Amino acid sequence: MKFPSWPSIKSDHINLGVKRIHELLERLDNPHLKLPPTIHIAGTNGKGSTLAFLKAIFWEKKLLVHTYISPHLVNFNERIVLANEEISDEFLNEILLECKTASEMEPRIPLTFFEVITAAAFLA
């Protein structure tokens, strides 16, 4: 996966607040507010196993399951899975470009890699 050139993504922009990503999401028409019911799995250990168990249960009930994980294990596209299919390079590039365009509007929003990928997952 080759990412679009994005000079405003910098690791020194890390800030524990959520102001920047909220500004970006607002420019993207708040895709996070349009999500289907969501389960957030957090913690130190067991997230992958918990996700696998829940996906199996929901798939058995014929429910669509979309996932966003970080970090990826083998290839980047496994971070965003829509209805059990890894996101395609084409769609990923499309939503990354949408995020880039929104972040570069004036005033520009400096973002971290994680913020950009999280916003892209919400868009997907």
PDB file of N, CA and C in Angstrom:
ATOM      1  N   MET A   1       0.854  -1.184   0.000  1.00  0.00           N
ATOM      2  CA  MET A   1       0.000   0.000   0.000  1.00  0.00           C
ATOM      3  C   MET A   1       0.885   1.228   0.000  1.00  0.00           C
ATOM      4  N   LYS A   2       0.740   2.089  -0.989  1.00  0.00           N
ATOM      5  CA  LYS A   2       1.496   3.329  -1.080  1.00  0.00           C
ATOM      6  C   LYS A   2       0.556   4.478  -0.729  1.00  0.00           C
ATOM      7  N   PHE A   3       0.959   5.269   0.257  1.00  0.00           N
ATOM      8  CA  PHE A   3       0.111   6.362   0.709  1.00  0.00           C
ATOM      9  C   PHE A   3       0.364   7.618  -0.105  1.00  0.00           C
ATOM     10  N   PRO A   4      -0.674   8.455  -0.252  1.00  0.00           N
ATOM     11  CA  PRO A   4      -0.468   9.720  -0.946  1.00  0.00           C
ATOM     12  C   PRO A   4       0.547  10.573  -0.172  1.00  0.00           C
ATOM     13  N   SER A   5       1.295  11.402  -0.905  1.00  0.00           N
ATOM     14  CA  SER A   5       2.235  12.313  -0.249  1.00  0.00           C
ATOM     15  C   SER A   5       1.462  13.229   0.692  1.00  0.00           C
ATOM     16  N   TRP A   6       1.920  13.295   1.922  1.00  0.00           N
ATOM     17  CA  TRP A   6       1.183  14.049   2.928  1.00  0.00           C
ATOM     18  C   TRP A   6       2.165  14.665   3.908  1.00  0.00           C
ATOM     19  N   PRO A   7       2.802  15.793   3.527  1.00  0.00           N
ATOM     20  CA  PRO A   7       3.852  16.358   4.368  1.00  0.00           C
ATOM     21  C   PRO A   7       3.368  16.854   5.722  1.00  0.00           C
ATOM     22  N   SER A   8       2.059  17.075   5.889  1.00  0.00           N
ATOM     23  CA  SER A   8       1.582  17.602   7.173  1.00  0.00           C
ATOM     24  C   SER A   8       1.410  16.529   8.240  1.00  0.00           C
ATOM     25  N   ILE A   9       1.633  15.244   7.891  1.00  0.00           N
ATOM     26  CA  ILE A   9       1.585  14.194   8.911  1.00  0.00           C
ATOM     27  C   ILE A   9       2.955  14.121   9.558  1.00  0.00           C
ATOM     28  N   LYS A  10       2.997  14.400  10.846  1.00  0.00           N
ATOM     29  CA  LYS A  10       4.272  14.420  11.546  1.00  0.00           C
ATOM     30  C   LYS A  10       4.109  13.773  12.910  1.00  0.00           C
ATOM     31  N   SER A  11       5.114  13.012  13.314  1.00  0.00           N
ATOM     32  CA  SER A  11       5.039  12.362  14.622  1.00  0.00           C
ATOM     33  C   SER A  11       5.157  13.365  15.757  1.00  0.00           C
ATOM     34  N   ASP A  12       5.739  14.543  15.514  1.00  0.00           N
ATOM     35  CA  ASP A  12       5.869  15.517  16.591  1.00  0.00           C
ATOM     36  C   ASP A  12       4.574  16.293  16.843  1.00  0.00           C
ATOM     37  N   HIS A  13       3.521  15.953  16.117  1.00  0.00           N
ATOM     38  CA  HIS A  13       2.215  16.575  16.330  1.00  0.00           C
ATOM     39  C   HIS A  13       1.400  15.858  17.401  1.00  0.00           C
ATOM     40  N   ILE A  14       1.985  14.843  18.025  1.00  0.00           N
ATOM     41  CA  ILE A  14       1.226  14.071  19.013  1.00  0.00           C
ATOM     42  C   ILE A  14       0.747  14.993  20.127  1.00  0.00           C
ATOM     43  N   ASN A  15      -0.532  14.900  20.394  1.00  0.00           N
ATOM     44  CA  ASN A  15      -1.180  15.698  21.431  1.00  0.00           C
ATOM     45  C   ASN A  15      -2.302  14.825  21.956  1.00  0.00           C
ATOM     46  N   LEU A  16      -2.405  14.712  23.259  1.00  0.00           N
ATOM     47  CA  LEU A  16      -3.382  13.791  23.833  1.00  0.00           C
ATOM     48  C   LEU A  16      -4.824  14.271  23.712  1.00  0.00           C
ATOM     49  N   GLY A  17      -5.044  15.462  23.213  1.00  0.00           N
ATOM     50  CA  GLY A  17      -6.400  15.960  23.032  1.00  0.00           C
ATOM     51  C   GLY A  17      -7.049  15.404  21.769  1.00  0.00           C
ATOM     52  N   VAL A  18      -8.323  15.684  21.597  1.00  0.00           N
ATOM     53  CA  VAL A  18      -9.069  15.207  20.430  1.00  0.00           C
ATOM     54  C   VAL A  18      -9.550  16.354  19.543  1.00  0.00           C
ATOM     55  N   LYS A  19      -9.097  17.568  19.836  1.00  0.00           N
ATOM     56  CA  LYS A  19      -9.560  18.744  19.094  1.00  0.00           C
ATOM     57  C   LYS A  19      -9.285  18.630  17.598  1.00  0.00           C
ATOM     58  N   ARG A  20      -8.076  18.212  17.217  1.00  0.00           N
ATOM     59  CA  ARG A  20      -7.714  18.163  15.806  1.00  0.00           C
ATOM     60  C   ARG A  20      -8.555  17.150  15.042  1.00  0.00           C
ATOM     61  N   ILE A  21      -8.716  15.962  15.588  1.00  0.00           N
ATOM     62  CA  ILE A  21      -9.489  14.956  14.849  1.00  0.00           C
ATOM     63  C   ILE A  21     -10.963  15.354  14.797  1.00  0.00           C
ATOM     64  N   HIS A  22     -11.467  16.016  15.836  1.00  0.00           N
ATOM     65  CA  HIS A  22     -12.857  16.493  15.785  1.00  0.00           C
ATOM     66  C   HIS A  22     -13.020  17.535  14.679  1.00  0.00           C
ATOM     67  N   GLU A  23     -12.020  18.423  14.528  1.00  0.00           N
ATOM     68  CA  GLU A  23     -12.079  19.414  13.448  1.00  0.00           C
ATOM     69  C   GLU A  23     -12.062  18.730  12.087  1.00  0.00           C
ATOM     70  N   LEU A  24     -11.191  17.734  11.927  1.00  0.00           N
ATOM     71  CA  LEU A  24     -11.135  16.998  10.658  1.00  0.00           C
ATOM     72  C   LEU A  24     -12.450  16.285  10.384  1.00  0.00           C
ATOM     73  N   LEU A  25     -12.984  15.593  11.387  1.00  0.00           N
ATOM     74  CA  LEU A  25     -14.242  14.864  11.204  1.00  0.00           C
ATOM     75  C   LEU A  25     -15.384  15.811  10.857  1.00  0.00           C
ATOM     76  N   GLU A  26     -15.381  17.005  11.442  1.00  0.00           N
ATOM     77  CA  GLU A  26     -16.415  17.986  11.110  1.00  0.00           C
ATOM     78  C   GLU A  26     -16.306  18.385   9.633  1.00  0.00           C
ATOM     79  N   ARG A  27     -15.091  18.577   9.151  1.00  0.00           N
ATOM     80  CA  ARG A  27     -14.889  18.917   7.739  1.00  0.00           C
ATOM     81  C   ARG A  27     -15.313  17.775   6.820  1.00  0.00           C
ATOM     82  N   LEU A  28     -15.301  16.562   7.325  1.00  0.00           N
ATOM     83  CA  LEU A  28     -15.689  15.379   6.551  1.00  0.00           C
ATOM     84  C   LEU A  28     -17.165  15.032   6.728  1.00  0.00           C
ATOM     85  N   ASP A  29     -17.936  15.951   7.312  1.00  0.00           N
ATOM     86  CA  ASP A  29     -19.373  15.778   7.546  1.00  0.00           C
ATOM     87  C   ASP A  29     -19.664  14.745   8.635  1.00  0.00           C
ATOM     88  N   ASN A  30     -18.799  14.677   9.634  1.00  0.00           N
ATOM     89  CA  ASN A  30     -19.001  13.859  10.841  1.00  0.00           C
ATOM     90  C   ASN A  30     -19.366  12.393  10.562  1.00  0.00           C
ATOM     91  N   PRO A  31     -18.512  11.666   9.854  1.00  0.00           N
ATOM     92  CA  PRO A  31     -18.835  10.270   9.542  1.00  0.00           C
ATOM     93  C   PRO A  31     -18.931   9.384  10.785  1.00  0.00           C
ATOM     94  N   HIS A  32     -18.272   9.764  11.856  1.00  0.00           N
ATOM     95  CA  HIS A  32     -18.310   8.982  13.095  1.00  0.00           C
ATOM     96  C   HIS A  32     -19.695   8.983  13.730  1.00  0.00           C
ATOM     97  N   LEU A  33     -20.497   9.971  13.396  1.00  0.00           N
ATOM     98  CA  LEU A  33     -21.857  10.046  13.942  1.00  0.00           C
ATOM     99  C   LEU A  33     -22.848   9.235  13.115  1.00  0.00           C
ATOM    100  N   LYS A  34     -22.397   8.664  12.004  1.00  0.00           N
ATOM    101  CA  LYS A  34     -23.275   7.918  11.105  1.00  0.00           C
ATOM    102  C   LYS A  34     -22.975   6.420  11.125  1.00  0.00           C
ATOM    103  N   LEU A  35     -22.198   5.986  12.097  1.00  0.00           N
ATOM    104  CA  LEU A  35     -21.826   4.574  12.180  1.00  0.00           C
ATOM    105  C   LEU A  35     -22.993   3.716  12.664  1.00  0.00           C
ATOM    106  N   PRO A  36     -22.999   2.461  12.266  1.00  0.00           N
ATOM    107  CA  PRO A  36     -23.972   1.523  12.849  1.00  0.00           C
ATOM    108  C   PRO A  36     -23.580   1.261  14.305  1.00  0.00           C
ATOM    109  N   PRO A  37     -24.377   0.489  15.037  1.00  0.00           N
ATOM    110  CA  PRO A  37     -23.998   0.182  16.424  1.00  0.00           C
ATOM    111  C   PRO A  37     -22.540  -0.307  16.479  1.00  0.00           C
ATOM    112  N   THR A  38     -21.822   0.174  17.488  1.00  0.00           N
ATOM    113  CA  THR A  38     -20.377  -0.035  17.549  1.00  0.00           C
ATOM    114  C   THR A  38     -19.957  -0.606  18.893  1.00  0.00           C
ATOM    115  N   ILE A  39     -18.971  -1.491  18.857  1.00  0.00           N
ATOM    116  CA  ILE A  39     -18.342  -2.017  20.071  1.00  0.00           C
ATOM    117  C   ILE A  39     -16.880  -1.597  20.017  1.00  0.00           C
ATOM    118  N   HIS A  40     -16.420  -0.947  21.063  1.00  0.00           N
ATOM    119  CA  HIS A  40     -15.018  -0.517  21.151  1.00  0.00           C
ATOM    120  C   HIS A  40     -14.301  -1.458  22.112  1.00  0.00           C
ATOM    121  N   ILE A  41     -13.276  -2.132  21.612  1.00  0.00           N
ATOM    122  CA  ILE A  41     -12.509  -3.074  22.430  1.00  0.00           C
ATOM    123  C   ILE A  41     -11.173  -2.426  22.744  1.00  0.00           C
ATOM    124  N   ALA A  42     -10.889  -2.229  24.016  1.00  0.00           N
ATOM    125  CA  ALA A  42      -9.639  -1.576  24.419  1.00  0.00           C
ATOM    126  C   ALA A  42      -9.002  -2.350  25.564  1.00  0.00           C
ATOM    127  N   GLY A  43      -7.753  -2.068  25.804  1.00  0.00           N
ATOM    128  CA  GLY A  43      -7.047  -2.703  26.906  1.00  0.00           C
ATOM    129  C   GLY A  43      -5.694  -3.208  26.454  1.00  0.00           C
ATOM    130  N   THR A  44      -5.010  -3.881  27.346  1.00  0.00           N
ATOM    131  CA  THR A  44      -3.648  -4.317  27.068  1.00  0.00           C
ATOM    132  C   THR A  44      -3.603  -5.649  26.349  1.00  0.00           C
ATOM    133  N   ASN A  45      -4.321  -6.634  26.817  1.00  0.00           N
ATOM    134  CA  ASN A  45      -4.250  -7.980  26.249  1.00  0.00           C
ATOM    135  C   ASN A  45      -5.636  -8.499  25.886  1.00  0.00           C
ATOM    136  N   GLY A  46      -5.685  -9.341  24.861  1.00  0.00           N
ATOM    137  CA  GLY A  46      -6.919 -10.050  24.535  1.00  0.00           C
ATOM    138  C   GLY A  46      -7.834  -9.360  23.550  1.00  0.00           C
ATOM    139  N   LYS A  47      -7.438  -8.216  23.006  1.00  0.00           N
ATOM    140  CA  LYS A  47      -8.329  -7.504  22.075  1.00  0.00           C
ATOM    141  C   LYS A  47      -8.577  -8.317  20.806  1.00  0.00           C
ATOM    142  N   GLY A  48      -7.519  -8.900  20.254  1.00  0.00           N
ATOM    143  CA  GLY A  48      -7.663  -9.682  19.022  1.00  0.00           C
ATOM    144  C   GLY A  48      -8.553 -10.887  19.211  1.00  0.00           C
ATOM    145  N   SER A  49      -8.375 -11.581  20.319  1.00  0.00           N
ATOM    146  CA  SER A  49      -9.210 -12.757  20.603  1.00  0.00           C
ATOM    147  C   SER A  49     -10.659 -12.352  20.828  1.00  0.00           C
ATOM    148  N   THR A  50     -10.856 -11.289  21.586  1.00  0.00           N
ATOM    149  CA  THR A  50     -12.222 -10.803  21.845  1.00  0.00           C
ATOM    150  C   THR A  50     -12.897 -10.426  20.531  1.00  0.00           C
ATOM    151  N   LEU A  51     -12.163  -9.739  19.663  1.00  0.00           N
ATOM    152  CA  LEU A  51     -12.710  -9.368  18.362  1.00  0.00           C
ATOM    153  C   LEU A  51     -13.069 -10.613  17.546  1.00  0.00           C
ATOM    154  N   ALA A  52     -12.193 -11.599  17.530  1.00  0.00           N
ATOM    155  CA  ALA A  52     -12.454 -12.830  16.768  1.00  0.00           C
ATOM    156  C   ALA A  52     -13.710 -13.538  17.280  1.00  0.00           C
ATOM    157  N   PHE A  53     -13.875 -13.609  18.606  1.00  0.00           N
ATOM    158  CA  PHE A  53     -15.061 -14.251  19.182  1.00  0.00           C
ATOM    159  C   PHE A  53     -16.327 -13.492  18.785  1.00  0.00           C
ATOM    160  N   LEU A  54     -16.298 -12.170  18.935  1.00  0.00           N
ATOM    161  CA  LEU A  54     -17.480 -11.364  18.614  1.00  0.00           C
ATOM    162  C   LEU A  54     -17.824 -11.455  17.123  1.00  0.00           C
ATOM    163  N   LYS A  55     -16.803 -11.379  16.257  1.00  0.00           N
ATOM    164  CA  LYS A  55     -17.063 -11.493  14.818  1.00  0.00           C
ATOM    165  C   LYS A  55     -17.728 -12.824  14.490  1.00  0.00           C
ATOM    166  N   ALA A  56     -17.246 -13.909  15.086  1.00  0.00           N
ATOM    167  CA  ALA A  56     -17.819 -15.236  14.822  1.00  0.00           C
ATOM    168  C   ALA A  56     -19.281 -15.293  15.270  1.00  0.00           C
ATOM    169  N   ILE A  57     -19.567 -14.730  16.427  1.00  0.00           N
ATOM    170  CA  ILE A  57     -20.944 -14.714  16.941  1.00  0.00           C
ATOM    171  C   ILE A  57     -21.845 -13.905  16.012  1.00  0.00           C
ATOM    172  N   PHE A  58     -21.406 -12.708  15.626  1.00  0.00           N
ATOM    173  CA  PHE A  58     -22.231 -11.848  14.781  1.00  0.00           C
ATOM    174  C   PHE A  58     -22.409 -12.409  13.381  1.00  0.00           C
ATOM    175  N   TRP A  59     -21.353 -13.004  12.823  1.00  0.00           N
ATOM    176  CA  TRP A  59     -21.460 -13.604  11.495  1.00  0.00           C
ATOM    177  C   TRP A  59     -22.420 -14.790  11.515  1.00  0.00           C
ATOM    178  N   GLU A  60     -22.397 -15.542  12.605  1.00  0.00           N
ATOM    179  CA  GLU A  60     -23.319 -16.678  12.748  1.00  0.00           C
ATOM    180  C   GLU A  60     -24.762 -16.189  12.709  1.00  0.00           C
ATOM    181  N   LYS A  61     -24.996 -14.991  13.225  1.00  0.00           N
ATOM    182  CA  LYS A  61     -26.335 -14.392  13.230  1.00  0.00           C
ATOM    183  C   LYS A  61     -26.613 -13.599  11.951  1.00  0.00           C
ATOM    184  N   LYS A  62     -25.706 -13.732  10.969  1.00  0.00           N
ATOM    185  CA  LYS A  62     -25.850 -13.072   9.659  1.00  0.00           C
ATOM    186  C   LYS A  62     -25.808 -11.548   9.755  1.00  0.00           C
ATOM    187  N   LEU A  63     -25.093 -11.029  10.743  1.00  0.00           N
ATOM    188  CA  LEU A  63     -24.925  -9.583  10.888  1.00  0.00           C
ATOM    189  C   LEU A  63     -23.660  -9.143  10.163  1.00  0.00           C
ATOM    190  N   LEU A  64     -23.710  -7.974   9.552  1.00  0.00           N
ATOM    191  CA  LEU A  64     -22.516  -7.423   8.922  1.00  0.00           C
ATOM    192  C   LEU A  64     -21.558  -6.948  10.012  1.00  0.00           C
ATOM    193  N   VAL A  65     -20.295  -7.232   9.816  1.00  0.00           N
ATOM    194  CA  VAL A  65     -19.277  -6.828  10.791  1.00  0.00           C
ATOM    195  C   VAL A  65     -18.205  -6.044  10.061  1.00  0.00           C
ATOM    196  N   HIS A  66     -17.940  -4.847  10.552  1.00  0.00           N
ATOM    197  CA  HIS A  66     -16.855  -4.014  10.045  1.00  0.00           C
ATOM    198  C   HIS A  66     -15.874  -3.842  11.202  1.00  0.00           C
ATOM    199  N   THR A  67     -14.580  -3.867  10.908  1.00  0.00           N
ATOM    200  CA  THR A  67     -13.603  -3.712  11.988  1.00  0.00           C
ATOM    201  C   THR A  67     -12.529  -2.704  11.609  1.00  0.00           C
ATOM    202  N   TYR A  68     -12.004  -2.073  12.635  1.00  0.00           N
ATOM    203  CA  TYR A  68     -10.842  -1.189  12.501  1.00  0.00           C
ATOM    204  C   TYR A  68      -9.897  -1.582  13.621  1.00  0.00           C
ATOM    205  N   ILE A  69      -8.696  -2.022  13.258  1.00  0.00           N
ATOM    206  CA  ILE A  69      -7.717  -2.430  14.261  1.00  0.00           C
ATOM    207  C   ILE A  69      -6.439  -1.621  14.087  1.00  0.00           C
ATOM    208  N   SER A  70      -5.694  -1.527  15.141  1.00  0.00           N
ATOM    209  CA  SER A  70      -4.387  -0.890  15.099  1.00  0.00           C
ATOM    210  C   SER A  70      -3.530  -1.515  16.183  1.00  0.00           C
ATOM    211  N   PRO A  71      -2.341  -1.915  15.840  1.00  0.00           N
ATOM    212  CA  PRO A  71      -1.713  -1.861  14.511  1.00  0.00           C
ATOM    213  C   PRO A  71      -2.133  -3.053  13.674  1.00  0.00           C
ATOM    214  N   HIS A  72      -1.732  -3.045  12.418  1.00  0.00           N
ATOM    215  CA  HIS A  72      -1.977  -4.210  11.562  1.00  0.00           C
ATOM    216  C   HIS A  72      -0.902  -5.258  11.837  1.00  0.00           C
ATOM    217  N   LEU A  73      -1.195  -6.486  11.480  1.00  0.00           N
ATOM    218  CA  LEU A  73      -0.252  -7.574  11.740  1.00  0.00           C
ATOM    219  C   LEU A  73       0.583  -7.922  10.519  1.00  0.00           C
ATOM    220  N   VAL A  74      -0.035  -8.013   9.341  1.00  0.00           N
ATOM    221  CA  VAL A  74       0.684  -8.433   8.141  1.00  0.00           C
ATOM    222  C   VAL A  74       0.688  -7.323   7.093  1.00  0.00           C
ATOM    223  N   ASN A  75      -0.511  -6.886   6.657  1.00  0.00           N
ATOM    224  CA  ASN A  75      -0.554  -5.805   5.674  1.00  0.00           C
ATOM    225  C   ASN A  75      -1.501  -4.711   6.142  1.00  0.00           C
ATOM    226  N   PHE A  76      -1.246  -3.517   5.673  1.00  0.00           N
ATOM    227  CA  PHE A  76      -1.970  -2.359   6.165  1.00  0.00           C
ATOM    228  C   PHE A  76      -3.485  -2.478   5.995  1.00  0.00           C
ATOM    229  N   ASN A  77      -3.940  -3.035   4.896  1.00  0.00           N
ATOM    230  CA  ASN A  77      -5.376  -3.079   4.594  1.00  0.00           C
ATOM    231  C   ASN A  77      -6.180  -3.866   5.618  1.00  0.00           C
ATOM    232  N   GLU A  78      -5.531  -4.733   6.398  1.00  0.00           N
ATOM    233  CA  GLU A  78      -6.283  -5.484   7.408  1.00  0.00           C
ATOM    234  C   GLU A  78      -6.751  -4.589   8.553  1.00  0.00           C
ATOM    235  N   ARG A  79      -6.288  -3.362   8.614  1.00  0.00           N
ATOM    236  CA  ARG A  79      -6.757  -2.432   9.648  1.00  0.00           C
ATOM    237  C   ARG A  79      -8.236  -2.100   9.471  1.00  0.00           C
ATOM    238  N   ILE A  80      -8.680  -2.000   8.220  1.00  0.00           N
ATOM    239  CA  ILE A  80     -10.066  -1.632   7.929  1.00  0.00           C
ATOM    240  C   ILE A  80     -10.712  -2.769   7.151  1.00  0.00           C
ATOM    241  N   VAL A  81     -11.650  -3.446   7.777  1.00  0.00           N
ATOM    242  CA  VAL A  81     -12.352  -4.569   7.160  1.00  0.00           C
ATOM    243  C   VAL A  81     -13.839  -4.227   7.119  1.00  0.00           C
ATOM    244  N   LEU A  82     -14.412  -4.313   5.921  1.00  0.00           N
ATOM    245  CA  LEU A  82     -15.827  -3.995   5.719  1.00  0.00           C
ATOM    246  C   LEU A  82     -16.544  -5.255   5.276  1.00  0.00           C
ATOM    247  N   ALA A  83     -17.497  -5.707   6.090  1.00  0.00           N
ATOM    248  CA  ALA A  83     -18.264  -6.923   5.797  1.00  0.00           C
ATOM    249  C   ALA A  83     -17.332  -8.095   5.471  1.00  0.00           C
ATOM    250  N   ASN A  84     -16.327  -8.256   6.307  1.00  0.00           N
ATOM    251  CA  ASN A  84     -15.373  -9.364   6.245  1.00  0.00           C
ATOM    252  C   ASN A  84     -14.406  -9.291   5.065  1.00  0.00           C
ATOM    253  N   GLU A  85     -14.304  -8.144   4.399  1.00  0.00           N
ATOM    254  CA  GLU A  85     -13.370  -7.953   3.285  1.00  0.00           C
ATOM    255  C   GLU A  85     -12.427  -6.806   3.628  1.00  0.00           C
ATOM    256  N   GLU A  86     -11.120  -7.066   3.520  1.00  0.00           N
ATOM    257  CA  GLU A  86     -10.157  -5.990   3.729  1.00  0.00           C
ATOM    258  C   GLU A  86     -10.417  -4.880   2.725  1.00  0.00           C
ATOM    259  N   ILE A  87     -10.233  -3.665   3.163  1.00  0.00           N
ATOM    260  CA  ILE A  87     -10.437  -2.516   2.293  1.00  0.00           C
ATOM    261  C   ILE A  87      -9.494  -2.608   1.095  1.00  0.00           C
ATOM    262  N   SER A  88      -9.994  -2.239  -0.073  1.00  0.00           N
ATOM    263  CA  SER A  88      -9.159  -2.287  -1.280  1.00  0.00           C
ATOM    264  C   SER A  88      -8.200  -1.096  -1.282  1.00  0.00           C
ATOM    265  N   ASP A  89      -7.090  -1.254  -1.981  1.00  0.00           N
ATOM    266  CA  ASP A  89      -6.138  -0.147  -2.122  1.00  0.00           C
ATOM    267  C   ASP A  89      -6.826   1.068  -2.740  1.00  0.00           C
ATOM    268  N   GLU A  90      -7.678   0.846  -3.722  1.00  0.00           N
ATOM    269  CA  GLU A  90      -8.341   1.943  -4.419  1.00  0.00           C
ATOM    270  C   GLU A  90      -9.249   2.731  -3.478  1.00  0.00           C
ATOM    271  N   PHE A  91     -10.087   2.021  -2.707  1.00  0.00           N
ATOM    272  CA  PHE A  91     -10.998   2.716  -1.794  1.00  0.00           C
ATOM    273  C   PHE A  91     -10.215   3.382  -0.675  1.00  0.00           C
ATOM    274  N   LEU A  92      -9.196   2.716  -0.174  1.00  0.00           N
ATOM    275  CA  LEU A  92      -8.365   3.304   0.878  1.00  0.00           C
ATOM    276  C   LEU A  92      -7.713   4.588   0.379  1.00  0.00           C
ATOM    277  N   ASN A  93      -7.152   4.562  -0.820  1.00  0.00           N
ATOM    278  CA  ASN A  93      -6.551   5.780  -1.377  1.00  0.00           C
ATOM    279  C   ASN A  93      -7.582   6.886  -1.547  1.00  0.00           C
ATOM    280  N   GLU A  94      -8.792   6.508  -1.953  1.00  0.00           N
ATOM    281  CA  GLU A  94      -9.862   7.493  -2.141  1.00  0.00           C
ATOM    282  C   GLU A  94     -10.196   8.204  -0.825  1.00  0.00           C
ATOM    283  N   ILE A  95     -10.372   7.447   0.236  1.00  0.00           N
ATOM    284  CA  ILE A  95     -10.747   8.085   1.499  1.00  0.00           C
ATOM    285  C   ILE A  95      -9.558   8.799   2.145  1.00  0.00           C
ATOM    286  N   LEU A  96      -8.333   8.303   1.919  1.00  0.00           N
ATOM    287  CA  LEU A  96      -7.159   9.021   2.419  1.00  0.00           C
ATOM    288  C   LEU A  96      -7.026  10.373   1.724  1.00  0.00           C
ATOM    289  N   LEU A  97      -7.287  10.400   0.423  1.00  0.00           N
ATOM    290  CA  LEU A  97      -7.239  11.659  -0.316  1.00  0.00           C
ATOM    291  C   LEU A  97      -8.312  12.618   0.192  1.00  0.00           C
ATOM    292  N   GLU A  98      -9.485  12.089   0.514  1.00  0.00           N
ATOM    293  CA  GLU A  98     -10.556  12.921   1.072  1.00  0.00           C
ATOM    294  C   GLU A  98     -10.124  13.520   2.411  1.00  0.00           C
ATOM    295  N   CYS A  99      -9.476  12.712   3.256  1.00  0.00           N
ATOM    296  CA  CYS A  99      -8.964  13.202   4.543  1.00  0.00           C
ATOM    297  C   CYS A  99      -7.881  14.253   4.333  1.00  0.00           C
ATOM    298  N   LYS A 100      -6.994  13.995   3.375  1.00  0.00           N
ATOM    299  CA  LYS A 100      -5.903  14.925   3.092  1.00  0.00           C
ATOM    300  C   LYS A 100      -6.454  16.269   2.640  1.00  0.00           C
ATOM    301  N   THR A 101      -7.398  16.236   1.709  1.00  0.00           N
ATOM    302  CA  THR A 101      -7.997  17.466   1.200  1.00  0.00           C
ATOM    303  C   THR A 101      -8.643  18.256   2.333  1.00  0.00           C
ATOM    304  N   ALA A 102      -9.368  17.568   3.193  1.00  0.00           N
ATOM    305  CA  ALA A 102     -10.040  18.238   4.317  1.00  0.00           C
ATOM    306  C   ALA A 102      -9.022  18.826   5.293  1.00  0.00           C
ATOM    307  N   SER A 103      -7.932  18.123   5.550  1.00  0.00           N
ATOM    308  CA  SER A 103      -6.945  18.616   6.524  1.00  0.00           C
ATOM    309  C   SER A 103      -6.144  19.789   5.983  1.00  0.00           C
ATOM    310  N   GLU A 104      -6.059  19.923   4.659  1.00  0.00           N
ATOM    311  CA  GLU A 104      -5.258  20.984   4.062  1.00  0.00           C
ATOM    312  C   GLU A 104      -6.056  22.241   3.754  1.00  0.00           C
ATOM    313  N   MET A 105      -7.362  22.214   4.048  1.00  0.00           N
ATOM    314  CA  MET A 105      -8.156  23.436   3.934  1.00  0.00           C
ATOM    315  C   MET A 105      -7.641  24.409   4.985  1.00  0.00           C
ATOM    316  N   GLU A 106      -7.771  25.691   4.712  1.00  0.00           N
ATOM    317  CA  GLU A 106      -7.318  26.693   5.686  1.00  0.00           C
ATOM    318  C   GLU A 106      -8.379  26.895   6.757  1.00  0.00           C
ATOM    319  N   PRO A 107      -8.001  26.948   8.015  1.00  0.00           N
ATOM    320  CA  PRO A 107      -6.652  26.724   8.512  1.00  0.00           C
ATOM    321  C   PRO A 107      -6.314  25.229   8.488  1.00  0.00           C
ATOM    322  N   ARG A 108      -5.083  24.918   8.095  1.00  0.00           N
ATOM    323  CA  ARG A 108      -4.638  23.525   8.005  1.00  0.00           C
ATOM    324  C   ARG A 108      -4.672  22.857   9.373  1.00  0.00           C
ATOM    325  N   ILE A 109      -4.941  21.562   9.357  1.00  0.00           N
ATOM    326  CA  ILE A 109      -4.961  20.783  10.595  1.00  0.00           C
ATOM    327  C   ILE A 109      -3.773  19.823  10.541  1.00  0.00           C
ATOM    328  N   PRO A 110      -2.757  20.032  11.408  1.00  0.00           N
ATOM    329  CA  PRO A 110      -1.641  19.079  11.457  1.00  0.00           C
ATOM    330  C   PRO A 110      -2.113  17.811  12.158  1.00  0.00           C
ATOM    331  N   LEU A 111      -1.861  16.674  11.540  1.00  0.00           N
ATOM    332  CA  LEU A 111      -2.387  15.408  12.068  1.00  0.00           C
ATOM    333  C   LEU A 111      -1.282  14.385  12.248  1.00  0.00           C
ATOM    334  N   THR A 112      -1.529  13.435  13.130  1.00  0.00           N
ATOM    335  CA  THR A 112      -0.649  12.281  13.256  1.00  0.00           C
ATOM    336  C   THR A 112      -1.159  11.197  12.303  1.00  0.00           C
ATOM    337  N   PHE A 113      -0.317  10.234  12.040  1.00  0.00           N
ATOM    338  CA  PHE A 113      -0.680   9.091  11.207  1.00  0.00           C
ATOM    339  C   PHE A 113      -1.931   8.410  11.767  1.00  0.00           C
ATOM    340  N   PHE A 114      -1.961   8.172  13.079  1.00  0.00           N
ATOM    341  CA  PHE A 114      -3.090   7.488  13.704  1.00  0.00           C
ATOM    342  C   PHE A 114      -4.387   8.276  13.526  1.00  0.00           C
ATOM    343  N   GLU A 115      -4.328   9.600  13.658  1.00  0.00           N
ATOM    344  CA  GLU A 115      -5.532  10.416  13.481  1.00  0.00           C
ATOM    345  C   GLU A 115      -6.072  10.292  12.058  1.00  0.00           C
ATOM    346  N   VAL A 116      -5.165  10.303  11.082  1.00  0.00           N
ATOM    347  CA  VAL A 116      -5.583  10.210   9.682  1.00  0.00           C
ATOM    348  C   VAL A 116      -6.237   8.855   9.407  1.00  0.00           C
ATOM    349  N   ILE A 117      -5.608   7.775   9.871  1.00  0.00           N
ATOM    350  CA  ILE A 117      -6.137   6.449   9.596  1.00  0.00           C
ATOM    351  C   ILE A 117      -7.457   6.229  10.324  1.00  0.00           C
ATOM    352  N   THR A 118      -7.587   6.783  11.523  1.00  0.00           N
ATOM    353  CA  THR A 118      -8.845   6.663  12.269  1.00  0.00           C
ATOM    354  C   THR A 118      -9.964   7.401  11.521  1.00  0.00           C
ATOM    355  N   ALA A 119      -9.685   8.605  11.050  1.00  0.00           N
ATOM    356  CA  ALA A 119     -10.697   9.350  10.279  1.00  0.00           C
ATOM    357  C   ALA A 119     -11.064   8.593   9.002  1.00  0.00           C
ATOM    358  N   ALA A 120     -10.076   8.002   8.356  1.00  0.00           N
ATOM    359  CA  ALA A 120     -10.341   7.227   7.135  1.00  0.00           C
ATOM    360  C   ALA A 120     -11.229   6.023   7.454  1.00  0.00           C
ATOM    361  N   ALA A 121     -10.992   5.378   8.575  1.00  0.00           N
ATOM    362  CA  ALA A 121     -11.828   4.232   8.967  1.00  0.00           C
ATOM    363  C   ALA A 121     -13.272   4.667   9.185  1.00  0.00           C
ATOM    364  N   PHE A 122     -13.467   5.824   9.808  1.00  0.00           N
ATOM    365  CA  PHE A 122     -14.830   6.326   9.983  1.00  0.00           C
ATOM    366  C   PHE A 122     -15.489   6.582   8.628  1.00  0.00           C
ATOM    367  N   LEU A 123     -14.744   7.127   7.686  1.00  0.00           N
ATOM    368  CA  LEU A 123     -15.282   7.380   6.351  1.00  0.00           C
ATOM    369  C   LEU A 123     -15.649   6.076   5.646  1.00  0.00           C
ATOM    370  N   ALA A 124     -14.801   5.068   5.798  1.00  0.00           N
ATOM    371  CA  ALA A 124     -15.035   3.778   5.120  1.00  0.00           C
ATOM    372  C   ALA A 124     -16.342   3.174   5.594  1.00  0.00           C
TER     373      ALA A 124
END
